[in-house]
C-alpha atoms as a PDB file:
ATOM      1  CA  MET A   1      13.963  40.166   4.880  1.00  0.00           C
ATOM      2  CA  PHE A   2      15.005  41.961   1.552  1.00  0.00           C
ATOM      3  CA  SER A   3      15.883  38.411  -0.094  1.00  0.00           C
ATOM      4  CA  ASN A   4      12.560  37.164   1.000  1.00  0.00           C
ATOM      5  CA  TYR A   5      10.598  40.437  -0.537  1.00  0.00           C
ATOM      6  CA  THR A   6      12.670  39.686  -3.514  1.00  0.00           C
ATOM      7  CA  GLN A   7      11.666  36.065  -3.896  1.00  0.00           C
ATOM      8  CA  LYS A   8       7.981  36.900  -3.498  1.00  0.00           C
ATOM      9  CA  ARG A   9       8.415  39.386  -6.356  1.00  0.00           C
ATOM     10  CA  ASN A  10      10.342  36.995  -8.593  1.00  0.00           C
ATOM     11  CA  LYS A  11       7.414  34.423  -7.947  1.00  0.00           C
ATOM     12  CA  ALA A  12       4.849  36.636  -9.185  1.00  0.00           C
ATOM     13  CA  THR A  13       6.562  37.962 -11.683  1.00  0.00           C
ATOM     14  CA  ALA A  14       7.338  34.280 -12.576  1.00  0.00           C
ATOM     15  CA  ARG A  15       3.248  33.856 -12.549  1.00  0.00           C
ATOM     16  CA  LYS A  16       2.371  36.505 -15.251  1.00  0.00           C
ATOM     17  CA  LEU A  17       4.966  35.263 -17.363  1.00  0.00           C
ATOM     18  CA  GLU A  18       3.559  31.486 -16.842  1.00  0.00           C
ATOM     19  CA  ALA A  19       0.212  32.765 -17.657  1.00  0.00           C
ATOM     20  CA  ILE A  20       1.139  34.668 -20.953  1.00  0.00           C
ATOM     21  CA  ALA A  21       2.853  31.309 -22.013  1.00  0.00           C
ATOM     22  CA  ALA A  22      -0.374  29.171 -21.310  1.00  0.00           C
ATOM     23  CA  GLY A  23      -2.123  31.696 -23.559  1.00  0.00           C
ATOM     24  CA  TYR A  24       0.546  31.016 -26.572  1.00  0.00           C
ATOM     25  CA  PHE A  25       0.361  27.316 -25.625  1.00  0.00           C
ATOM     26  CA  VAL A  26      -3.139  27.029 -25.830  1.00  0.00           C
ATOM     27  CA  SER A  27      -3.282  29.106 -29.239  1.00  0.00           C
ATOM     28  CA  GLY A  28      -0.785  26.385 -30.525  1.00  0.00           C
ATOM     29  CA  ASP A  29       2.449  28.899 -30.468  1.00  0.00           C
ATOM     30  CA  TYR A  30       4.706  26.448 -28.487  1.00  0.00           C
ATOM     31  CA  THR A  31       7.920  28.398 -29.272  1.00  0.00           C
ATOM     32  CA  GLU A  32       6.443  31.675 -28.252  1.00  0.00           C
ATOM     33  CA  ALA A  33       5.251  29.651 -24.812  1.00  0.00           C
ATOM     34  CA  LEU A  34       8.499  28.376 -24.468  1.00  0.00           C
ATOM     35  CA  ARG A  35      10.066  31.654 -24.554  1.00  0.00           C
ATOM     36  CA  TYR A  36       7.671  32.970 -21.634  1.00  0.00           C
ATOM     37  CA  TYR A  37       8.301  29.710 -19.845  1.00  0.00           C
ATOM     38  CA  LYS A  38      12.223  30.272 -19.621  1.00  0.00           C
ATOM     39  CA  LYS A  39      11.674  33.689 -18.686  1.00  0.00           C
ATOM     40  CA  ALA A  40       9.656  32.115 -16.097  1.00  0.00           C
ATOM     41  CA  ILE A  41      12.205  29.963 -15.018  1.00  0.00           C
ATOM     42  CA  ALA A  42      14.982  32.637 -14.595  1.00  0.00           C
ATOM     43  CA  GLN A  43      12.570  34.472 -12.350  1.00  0.00           C
ATOM     44  CA  TYR A  44      11.514  31.530 -10.368  1.00  0.00           C
ATOM     45  CA  PRO A  45      13.738  28.475 -11.052  1.00  0.00           C
ATOM     46  CA  SER A  46      11.922  26.365  -8.271  1.00  0.00           C
ATOM     47  CA  ASN A  47       8.952  25.491  -9.810  1.00  0.00           C
ATOM     48  CA  ALA A  48       8.509  22.047 -11.171  1.00  0.00           C
ATOM     49  CA  ALA A  49       4.962  22.798 -13.520  1.00  0.00           C
ATOM     50  CA  THR A  50       7.054  25.510 -15.397  1.00  0.00           C
ATOM     51  CA  TYR A  51       9.511  22.857 -15.901  1.00  0.00           C
ATOM     52  CA  SER A  52       6.873  20.342 -17.168  1.00  0.00           C
ATOM     53  CA  GLU A  53       4.725  22.800 -19.078  1.00  0.00           C
ATOM     54  CA  MET A  54       7.987  23.512 -21.054  1.00  0.00           C
ATOM     55  CA  GLY A  55       8.649  19.724 -21.521  1.00  0.00           C
ATOM     56  CA  THR A  56       4.951  19.537 -23.172  1.00  0.00           C
ATOM     57  CA  CYS A  57       5.720  22.652 -25.443  1.00  0.00           C
ATOM     58  CA  TYR A  58       9.175  20.782 -26.562  1.00  0.00           C
ATOM     59  CA  GLN A  59       6.952  17.618 -26.609  1.00  0.00           C
ATOM     60  CA  GLN A  60       4.899  19.068 -28.886  1.00  0.00           C
ATOM     61  CA  LEU A  61       7.079  20.466 -31.293  1.00  0.00           C
ATOM     62  CA  LYS A  62       8.617  16.953 -31.401  1.00  0.00           C
ATOM     63  CA  GLN A  63      11.604  18.033 -29.505  1.00  0.00           C
ATOM     64  CA  TYR A  64      12.080  14.910 -27.361  1.00  0.00           C
ATOM     65  CA  PRO A  65      15.296  15.180 -26.128  1.00  0.00           C
ATOM     66  CA  GLN A  66      14.598  18.677 -24.652  1.00  0.00           C
ATOM     67  CA  ALA A  67      11.385  17.340 -23.334  1.00  0.00           C
ATOM     68  CA  ILE A  68      12.920  14.621 -21.570  1.00  0.00           C
ATOM     69  CA  GLU A  69      15.412  17.139 -19.740  1.00  0.00           C
ATOM     70  CA  ALA A  70      12.679  19.600 -18.959  1.00  0.00           C
ATOM     71  CA  TYR A  71      10.890  16.738 -17.291  1.00  0.00           C
ATOM     72  CA  LYS A  72      13.642  15.837 -15.783  1.00  0.00           C
ATOM     73  CA  GLN A  73      14.117  19.114 -14.204  1.00  0.00           C
ATOM     74  CA  ALA A  74      10.842  19.118 -13.032  1.00  0.00           C
ATOM     75  CA  ILE A  75      11.645  15.725 -10.900  1.00  0.00           C
ATOM     76  CA  ALA A  76      14.773  16.921  -9.550  1.00  0.00           C
ATOM     77  CA  ILE A  77      12.757  19.824  -8.057  1.00  0.00           C
ATOM     78  CA  GLU A  78       9.474  17.461  -6.998  1.00  0.00           C
ATOM     79  CA  PRO A  79      10.895  13.609  -7.209  1.00  0.00           C
ATOM     80  CA  ASP A  80       7.375  12.505  -6.877  1.00  0.00           C
ATOM     81  CA  TYR A  81       5.907  15.056  -9.746  1.00  0.00           C
ATOM     82  CA  THR A  82       4.005  11.936 -11.613  1.00  0.00           C
ATOM     83  CA  VAL A  83       2.987  14.285 -14.380  1.00  0.00           C
ATOM     84  CA  ALA A  84       6.808  14.699 -15.668  1.00  0.00           C
ATOM     85  CA  ILE A  85       7.379  11.214 -14.798  1.00  0.00           C
ATOM     86  CA  GLY A  86       4.313   9.920 -16.889  1.00  0.00           C
ATOM     87  CA  ALA A  87       5.323  12.136 -19.875  1.00  0.00           C
ATOM     88  CA  ILE A  88       8.765  11.020 -19.829  1.00  0.00           C
ATOM     89  CA  GLY A  89       7.143   7.375 -20.179  1.00  0.00           C
ATOM     90  CA  GLY A  90       4.824   8.665 -23.028  1.00  0.00           C
ATOM     91  CA  ILE A  91       7.951  10.293 -24.846  1.00  0.00           C
ATOM     92  CA  TYR A  92       9.859   6.861 -24.329  1.00  0.00           C
ATOM     93  CA  TYR A  93       6.670   4.815 -25.752  1.00  0.00           C
ATOM     94  CA  LEU A  94       6.594   7.189 -28.942  1.00  0.00           C
ATOM     95  CA  GLU A  95      10.231   6.313 -29.498  1.00  0.00           C
ATOM     96  CA  GLY A  96       9.802   2.823 -29.036  1.00  0.00           C
ATOM     97  CA  ARG A  97      11.792   2.337 -26.084  1.00  0.00           C
ATOM     98  CA  TYR A  98       9.096  -0.098 -24.471  1.00  0.00           C
ATOM     99  CA  ASP A  99      11.260  -1.077 -21.588  1.00  0.00           C
ATOM    100  CA  ASP A 100      12.318   2.414 -20.540  1.00  0.00           C
ATOM    101  CA  ALA A 101       8.597   3.453 -20.941  1.00  0.00           C
ATOM    102  CA  LEU A 102       7.108   0.414 -18.735  1.00  0.00           C
ATOM    103  CA  GLY A 103       9.668   1.587 -15.712  1.00  0.00           C
ATOM    104  CA  MET A 104       8.523   4.743 -16.172  1.00  0.00           C
ATOM    105  CA  TYR A 105       5.053   3.781 -15.905  1.00  0.00           C
ATOM    106  CA  GLU A 106       5.635   1.461 -13.175  1.00  0.00           C
ATOM    107  CA  LYS A 107       7.389   4.466 -11.152  1.00  0.00           C
ATOM    108  CA  GLU A 108       4.383   6.694 -11.773  1.00  0.00           C
ATOM    109  CA  ILE A 109       2.041   3.782 -10.380  1.00  0.00           C
ATOM    110  CA  GLU A 110       4.087   3.277  -7.253  1.00  0.00           C
ATOM    111  CA  ILE A 111       3.741   7.053  -6.255  1.00  0.00           C
ATOM    112  CA  LYS A 112      -0.069   7.493  -7.523  1.00  0.00           C
ATOM    113  CA  PRO A 113      -2.067   4.888  -8.968  1.00  0.00           C
ATOM    114  CA  ASP A 114      -4.303   6.091 -11.400  1.00  0.00           C
ATOM    115  CA  ALA A 115      -6.502   4.857 -14.192  1.00  0.00           C
ATOM    116  CA  GLN A 116      -4.950   6.740 -17.016  1.00  0.00           C
ATOM    117  CA  THR A 117      -1.228   5.200 -16.309  1.00  0.00           C
ATOM    118  CA  TYR A 118      -2.788   1.132 -16.121  1.00  0.00           C
ATOM    119  CA  ARG A 119      -4.248   2.230 -19.516  1.00  0.00           C
ATOM    120  CA  ASN A 120      -0.783   3.300 -20.683  1.00  0.00           C
ATOM    121  CA  ILE A 121       0.627   0.357 -19.375  1.00  0.00           C
ATOM    122  CA  GLY A 122      -2.061  -1.917 -20.872  1.00  0.00           C
ATOM    123  CA  ASN A 123      -1.231  -0.076 -24.308  1.00  0.00           C
ATOM    124  CA  LEU A 124       2.562  -0.558 -24.260  1.00  0.00           C
ATOM    125  CA  LEU A 125       1.916  -4.273 -23.160  1.00  0.00           C
ATOM    126  CA  ARG A 126      -0.461  -4.657 -26.178  1.00  0.00           C
ATOM    127  CA  CYS A 127       1.885  -2.779 -28.800  1.00  0.00           C
ATOM    128  CA  TYR A 128       5.175  -4.765 -26.943  1.00  0.00           C
ATOM    129  CA  GLY A 129       3.101  -8.046 -27.787  1.00  0.00           C
ATOM    130  CA  ALA A 130       2.358  -7.354 -31.542  1.00  0.00           C
ATOM    131  CA  MET A 131       5.989  -6.197 -31.825  1.00  0.00           C
ATOM    132  CA  ARG A 132       7.032  -9.602 -30.193  1.00  0.00           C
ATOM    133  CA  ARG A 133       4.571 -11.692 -32.501  1.00  0.00           C
ATOM    134  CA  SER A 134       5.948  -9.894 -35.684  1.00  0.00           C
ATOM    135  CA  CYS A 135       9.568 -10.640 -34.707  1.00  0.00           C
ATOM    136  CA  ARG A 136       8.387 -14.325 -34.645  1.00  0.00           C
ATOM    137  CA  ILE A 137       6.980 -14.299 -37.946  1.00  0.00           C
ATOM    138  CA  LEU A 138       9.840 -12.692 -39.444  1.00  0.00           C
END
């Protein structure tokens, strides 16, 4: 009983910390948002969305390895968490890792077909095609 009460209290505290973090995120203070998301995770580490929001903060700060790690934590909690799967694909795309990006987008579509993911794949293939044409010219 005590454990259940503590868990509920920790979850409620985490939600409050997440709300503060979201306020910092909206204002563009991603470093401060991260600080509060980390506090929320310390209170309630089982929330995939919190890890995903951390990933978004890291992504905004262009700290891509940390972003990928945060998104992977979200996926470890919820294997079908398409927001995190697609976000990793987006980072791979930004890094020029097109095959890896395509793999993540395909995984995302297997779970939840969605128009944005198909657009992401189209953009990726368009970019990949342009890159291949450039290589032939050289």
